[in-house]
């Protein structure tokens, strides 16, 4: 019996809510224009096209400014000095490369030959 009362109470609440929605639906929902709602995606909206135009304009302006900068004499001189400093090999670099080549790992064939030579020297003594 208690369950029947709860069930009927829930039905009463649903009916009451429906009546309120019907009464308010014509006044409240009519004032909301759904075409002006905030879109979930920008694709197809005016902000999408303006954003893309702005991005393309920034990329084009940056490319043009970089091209102009790369043609200036100051940048050319700096680039030549930088390339000259980076591409010339100093004595310290040569020594370092020689040290790495000297301590580089040897192949197995070379190690076997060294062991055989040391064994020959031991047997001869």
C-alpha atoms as a PDB file:
ATOM      1  CA  UNK A   1       0.000   0.000   0.000  1.00  0.00           C
ATOM      2  CA  UNK A   2       2.852   2.337   0.804  1.00  0.00           C
ATOM      3  CA  UNK A   3       4.415   1.571  -2.578  1.00  0.00           C
ATOM      4  CA  UNK A   4       1.105   2.379  -4.290  1.00  0.00           C
ATOM      5  CA  UNK A   5       1.031   5.759  -2.540  1.00  0.00           C
ATOM      6  CA  UNK A   6       4.565   6.551  -3.660  1.00  0.00           C
ATOM      7  CA  UNK A   7       3.799   5.512  -7.191  1.00  0.00           C
ATOM      8  CA  UNK A   8       0.705   7.634  -7.301  1.00  0.00           C
ATOM      9  CA  UNK A   9       2.655  10.504  -5.765  1.00  0.00           C
ATOM     10  CA  UNK A  10       5.289  10.248  -8.519  1.00  0.00           C
ATOM     11  CA  UNK A  11       2.561  10.240 -11.142  1.00  0.00           C
ATOM     12  CA  UNK A  12       1.061  13.333  -9.575  1.00  0.00           C
ATOM     13  CA  UNK A  13       4.423  15.103  -9.662  1.00  0.00           C
ATOM     14  CA  UNK A  14       4.918  14.192 -13.338  1.00  0.00           C
ATOM     15  CA  UNK A  15       1.480  15.450 -14.256  1.00  0.00           C
ATOM     16  CA  UNK A  16       2.061  18.647 -12.299  1.00  0.00           C
ATOM     17  CA  UNK A  17       5.417  19.199 -14.049  1.00  0.00           C
ATOM     18  CA  UNK A  18       3.819  18.637 -17.446  1.00  0.00           C
ATOM     19  CA  UNK A  19       1.142  21.210 -16.696  1.00  0.00           C
ATOM     20  CA  UNK A  20       3.772  23.752 -15.643  1.00  0.00           C
ATOM     21  CA  UNK A  21       5.844  23.058 -18.766  1.00  0.00           C
ATOM     22  CA  UNK A  22       2.803  23.544 -20.970  1.00  0.00           C
ATOM     23  CA  UNK A  23       1.859  26.777 -19.270  1.00  0.00           C
ATOM     24  CA  UNK A  24       5.395  28.204 -19.169  1.00  0.00           C
ATOM     25  CA  UNK A  25       6.508  26.708 -22.444  1.00  0.00           C
ATOM     26  CA  UNK A  26       4.665  29.201 -24.536  1.00  0.00           C
ATOM     27  CA  UNK A  27       5.945  32.204 -22.591  1.00  0.00           C
ATOM     28  CA  UNK A  28       9.497  31.260 -21.568  1.00  0.00           C
ATOM     29  CA  UNK A  29      10.615  29.075 -24.459  1.00  0.00           C
ATOM     30  CA  UNK A  30       9.266  31.433 -27.083  1.00  0.00           C
ATOM     31  CA  UNK A  31      11.581  34.229 -25.918  1.00  0.00           C
ATOM     32  CA  UNK A  32      14.742  32.110 -26.388  1.00  0.00           C
ATOM     33  CA  UNK A  33      16.073  32.229 -29.941  1.00  0.00           C
ATOM     34  CA  UNK A  34      17.902  28.945 -30.557  1.00  0.00           C
ATOM     35  CA  UNK A  35      19.743  30.295 -33.614  1.00  0.00           C
ATOM     36  CA  UNK A  36      21.715  32.696 -31.347  1.00  0.00           C
ATOM     37  CA  UNK A  37      22.995  29.994 -29.004  1.00  0.00           C
ATOM     38  CA  UNK A  38      26.703  29.476 -28.516  1.00  0.00           C
ATOM     39  CA  UNK A  39      27.893  26.872 -31.027  1.00  0.00           C
ATOM     40  CA  UNK A  40      29.820  23.853 -29.849  1.00  0.00           C
ATOM     41  CA  UNK A  41      32.134  23.954 -32.872  1.00  0.00           C
ATOM     42  CA  UNK A  42      33.489  26.964 -34.739  1.00  0.00           C
ATOM     43  CA  UNK A  43      33.428  25.253 -38.137  1.00  0.00           C
ATOM     44  CA  UNK A  44      30.951  27.013 -40.375  1.00  0.00           C
ATOM     45  CA  UNK A  45      30.741  30.149 -38.250  1.00  0.00           C
ATOM     46  CA  UNK A  46      32.060  33.619 -39.087  1.00  0.00           C
ATOM     47  CA  UNK A  47      34.617  33.392 -36.283  1.00  0.00           C
ATOM     48  CA  UNK A  48      36.094  30.327 -38.008  1.00  0.00           C
ATOM     49  CA  UNK A  49      36.780  32.237 -41.219  1.00  0.00           C
ATOM     50  CA  UNK A  50      38.116  35.314 -39.402  1.00  0.00           C
ATOM     51  CA  UNK A  51      40.382  33.172 -37.252  1.00  0.00           C
ATOM     52  CA  UNK A  52      41.786  31.440 -40.319  1.00  0.00           C
ATOM     53  CA  UNK A  53      42.300  34.716 -42.138  1.00  0.00           C
ATOM     54  CA  UNK A  54      44.116  36.122 -39.123  1.00  0.00           C
ATOM     55  CA  UNK A  55      46.376  33.053 -38.921  1.00  0.00           C
ATOM     56  CA  UNK A  56      47.178  33.195 -42.648  1.00  0.00           C
ATOM     57  CA  UNK A  57      47.946  36.906 -42.382  1.00  0.00           C
ATOM     58  CA  UNK A  58      50.328  36.288 -39.473  1.00  0.00           C
ATOM     59  CA  UNK A  59      52.111  33.509 -41.350  1.00  0.00           C
ATOM     60  CA  UNK A  60      52.433  35.636 -44.481  1.00  0.00           C
ATOM     61  CA  UNK A  61      53.701  38.664 -42.544  1.00  0.00           C
ATOM     62  CA  UNK A  62      56.251  36.531 -40.686  1.00  0.00           C
ATOM     63  CA  UNK A  63      57.483  34.958 -43.915  1.00  0.00           C
ATOM     64  CA  UNK A  64      57.844  38.331 -45.611  1.00  0.00           C
ATOM     65  CA  UNK A  65      59.689  39.830 -42.644  1.00  0.00           C
ATOM     66  CA  UNK A  66      62.041  36.840 -42.455  1.00  0.00           C
ATOM     67  CA  UNK A  67      62.738  37.087 -46.187  1.00  0.00           C
ATOM     68  CA  UNK A  68      63.527  40.782 -45.900  1.00  0.00           C
ATOM     69  CA  UNK A  69      65.729  40.165 -42.846  1.00  0.00           C
ATOM     70  CA  UNK A  70      67.690  37.429 -44.617  1.00  0.00           C
ATOM     71  CA  UNK A  71      68.523  39.850 -47.446  1.00  0.00           C
ATOM     72  CA  UNK A  72      69.999  42.545 -45.192  1.00  0.00           C
ATOM     73  CA  UNK A  73      73.806  42.983 -45.253  1.00  0.00           C
ATOM     74  CA  UNK A  74      74.044  42.745 -41.462  1.00  0.00           C
ATOM     75  CA  UNK A  75      72.471  39.291 -41.468  1.00  0.00           C
ATOM     76  CA  UNK A  76      74.641  38.122 -44.390  1.00  0.00           C
ATOM     77  CA  UNK A  77      77.833  39.153 -42.567  1.00  0.00           C
ATOM     78  CA  UNK A  78      76.693  37.459 -39.372  1.00  0.00           C
ATOM     79  CA  UNK A  79      75.794  34.305 -41.304  1.00  0.00           C
ATOM     80  CA  UNK A  80      79.207  34.190 -43.026  1.00  0.00           C
ATOM     81  CA  UNK A  81      81.046  34.604 -39.710  1.00  0.00           C
ATOM     82  CA  UNK A  82      78.933  31.950 -38.058  1.00  0.00           C
ATOM     83  CA  UNK A  83      79.455  29.465 -40.887  1.00  0.00           C
ATOM     84  CA  UNK A  84      83.188  30.152 -40.933  1.00  0.00           C
ATOM     85  CA  UNK A  85      83.451  29.565 -37.182  1.00  0.00           C
ATOM     86  CA  UNK A  86      81.379  26.396 -37.257  1.00  0.00           C
ATOM     87  CA  UNK A  87      82.835  24.786 -40.361  1.00  0.00           C
ATOM     88  CA  UNK A  88      86.559  25.242 -39.660  1.00  0.00           C
ATOM     89  CA  UNK A  89      88.109  22.447 -37.609  1.00  0.00           C
ATOM     90  CA  UNK A  90      90.434  23.607 -34.819  1.00  0.00           C
ATOM     91  CA  UNK A  91      93.468  21.741 -33.470  1.00  0.00           C
ATOM     92  CA  UNK A  92      91.602  20.869 -30.282  1.00  0.00           C
ATOM     93  CA  UNK A  93      88.825  19.216 -32.283  1.00  0.00           C
ATOM     94  CA  UNK A  94      91.372  17.277 -34.334  1.00  0.00           C
ATOM     95  CA  UNK A  95      93.094  16.053 -31.162  1.00  0.00           C
ATOM     96  CA  UNK A  96      89.778  15.090 -29.617  1.00  0.00           C
ATOM     97  CA  UNK A  97      88.746  13.107 -32.707  1.00  0.00           C
ATOM     98  CA  UNK A  98      92.125  11.372 -32.725  1.00  0.00           C
ATOM     99  CA  UNK A  99      91.694  10.463 -29.055  1.00  0.00           C
ATOM    100  CA  UNK A 100      88.260   8.991 -29.716  1.00  0.00           C
ATOM    101  CA  UNK A 101      89.594   7.049 -32.692  1.00  0.00           C
ATOM    102  CA  UNK A 102      92.447   5.713 -30.558  1.00  0.00           C
ATOM    103  CA  UNK A 103      90.145   4.502 -27.782  1.00  0.00           C
ATOM    104  CA  UNK A 104      87.483   3.203 -30.140  1.00  0.00           C
ATOM    105  CA  UNK A 105      86.373  -0.403 -29.660  1.00  0.00           C
ATOM    106  CA  UNK A 106      88.329  -2.893 -31.718  1.00  0.00           C
ATOM    107  CA  UNK A 107      86.807  -5.643 -33.850  1.00  0.00           C
ATOM    108  CA  UNK A 108      86.896  -9.259 -32.625  1.00  0.00           C
ATOM    109  CA  UNK A 109      89.440 -10.231 -35.277  1.00  0.00           C
ATOM    110  CA  UNK A 110      91.922  -7.660 -34.009  1.00  0.00           C
ATOM    111  CA  UNK A 111      91.471  -8.845 -30.401  1.00  0.00           C
ATOM    112  CA  UNK A 112      92.041 -12.494 -31.396  1.00  0.00           C
ATOM    113  CA  UNK A 113      95.231 -11.565 -33.242  1.00  0.00           C
ATOM    114  CA  UNK A 114      96.494  -9.620 -30.220  1.00  0.00           C
ATOM    115  CA  UNK A 115      95.805 -12.586 -27.904  1.00  0.00           C
ATOM    116  CA  UNK A 116      97.557 -14.995 -30.269  1.00  0.00           C
ATOM    117  CA  UNK A 117     100.611 -12.723 -30.496  1.00  0.00           C
ATOM    118  CA  UNK A 118     100.809 -12.448 -26.709  1.00  0.00           C
ATOM    119  CA  UNK A 119     100.586 -16.257 -26.396  1.00  0.00           C
ATOM    120  CA  UNK A 120     103.360 -16.681 -28.989  1.00  0.00           C
ATOM    121  CA  UNK A 121     105.571 -14.288 -27.088  1.00  0.00           C
ATOM    122  CA  UNK A 122     104.961 -16.232 -23.842  1.00  0.00           C
ATOM    123  CA  UNK A 123     105.797 -19.586 -25.445  1.00  0.00           C
ATOM    124  CA  UNK A 124     109.003 -18.240 -26.981  1.00  0.00           C
ATOM    125  CA  UNK A 125     110.344 -17.053 -23.622  1.00  0.00           C
END
